[in-house]
Amino acid sequence: MAKNSENYSVNDRIHHSVFGLGTISQTDSRYTTIAFDESGTRKFLTDMVRFERSDTPAPAKPASTKTAGRKKGKRKT
């Protein structure tokens, strides 16, 4: 695994040895936040995190489960 460097930026796809594939969501000189496909979002110290670039595209987002016109409250019987 290559050490993180300035060659990576937000929206880059990466592979981490423990958490797998993910997308960099934030990065600065102190922290790098990665949204992993299977493991949720994790924040790392930029100087310590190790990952490598990936060409694997991000998975498609699931369709919204909200139902239009549905109101919260008591149900009429």
Protein backbone atom coordinates (compact mmCIF):
# COMPACT_ATOMS: atom_id res chain seq x y z
CA MET A 1 0.00 0.00 0.00
CA ALA A 2 1.24 3.44 -0.87
CA LYS A 3 1.32 6.12 1.78
CA ASN A 4 -1.27 8.87 1.26
CA SER A 5 0.13 11.90 -0.51
CA GLU A 6 -0.99 15.10 -2.22
CA ASN A 7 -1.73 13.00 -5.33
CA TYR A 8 -5.13 12.09 -3.88
CA SER A 9 -8.14 14.38 -3.66
CA VAL A 10 -11.88 14.38 -2.92
CA ASN A 11 -13.89 11.87 -5.01
CA ASP A 12 -10.85 9.71 -5.80
CA ARG A 13 -11.58 5.99 -5.56
CA ILE A 14 -9.20 4.01 -3.33
CA HIS A 15 -8.65 0.55 -1.86
CA HIS A 16 -7.70 0.14 1.82
CA SER A 17 -6.26 -3.18 3.03
CA VAL A 18 -8.75 -3.51 5.92
CA PHE A 19 -11.89 -1.62 4.85
CA GLY A 20 -11.84 -2.29 1.09
CA LEU A 21 -13.04 0.03 -1.65
CA GLY A 22 -14.07 3.59 -0.89
CA THR A 23 -14.25 7.20 -2.04
CA ILE A 24 -12.34 10.07 -0.43
CA SER A 25 -14.96 12.49 0.87
CA GLN A 26 -12.69 15.01 2.66
CA THR A 27 -8.96 15.51 2.93
CA ASP A 28 -6.60 18.10 4.37
CA SER A 29 -3.15 18.16 5.95
CA ARG A 30 -4.47 16.58 9.17
CA TYR A 31 -7.37 14.23 8.36
CA THR A 32 -8.63 12.15 5.45
CA THR A 33 -12.24 10.95 5.51
CA ILE A 34 -13.18 7.99 3.33
CA ALA A 35 -16.69 6.67 2.62
CA PHE A 36 -16.21 2.93 2.19
CA ASP A 37 -18.60 0.91 0.03
CA GLU A 38 -19.15 -1.79 2.68
CA SER A 39 -17.77 -0.36 5.96
CA GLY A 40 -19.30 3.10 6.31
CA THR A 41 -17.36 6.34 6.71
CA ARG A 42 -14.01 6.42 8.53
CA LYS A 43 -11.67 9.31 9.42
CA PHE A 44 -7.89 8.76 9.38
CA LEU A 45 -4.83 10.82 10.20
CA THR A 46 -3.59 11.89 6.78
CA ASP A 47 0.06 11.18 7.64
CA MET A 48 -0.78 7.63 8.79
CA VAL A 49 -3.41 6.30 6.38
CA ARG A 50 -2.26 3.91 3.67
CA PHE A 51 -4.26 3.00 0.58
CA GLU A 52 -3.88 2.62 -3.15
CA ARG A 53 -5.76 4.08 -6.08
CA SER A 54 -8.60 2.02 -7.54
CA ASP A 55 -10.27 2.10 -10.95
CA THR A 56 -13.37 0.33 -9.62
CA PRO A 57 -16.38 2.66 -9.94
CA ALA A 58 -18.52 3.51 -6.92
CA PRO A 59 -21.64 1.36 -6.53
CA ALA A 60 -24.96 2.82 -7.61
CA LYS A 61 -26.95 4.47 -4.85
CA PRO A 62 -30.14 2.61 -3.94
CA ALA A 63 -33.45 4.16 -4.97
CA SER A 64 -35.18 6.32 -2.39
CA THR A 65 -37.67 4.48 -0.18
CA LYS A 66 -39.75 7.55 0.63
CA THR A 67 -43.37 7.43 -0.44
CA ALA A 68 -44.95 10.56 -1.86
CA GLY A 69 -47.99 11.97 -0.13
CA ARG A 70 -47.70 9.88 2.99
CA LYS A 71 -48.52 11.74 6.18
CA LYS A 72 -47.30 10.93 9.66
CA GLY A 73 -49.83 10.60 12.45
CA LYS A 74 -52.60 8.38 13.64
CA ARG A 75 -54.13 5.95 11.28
CA LYS A 76 -57.86 6.15 10.62
CA THR A 77 -59.72 2.92 11.13
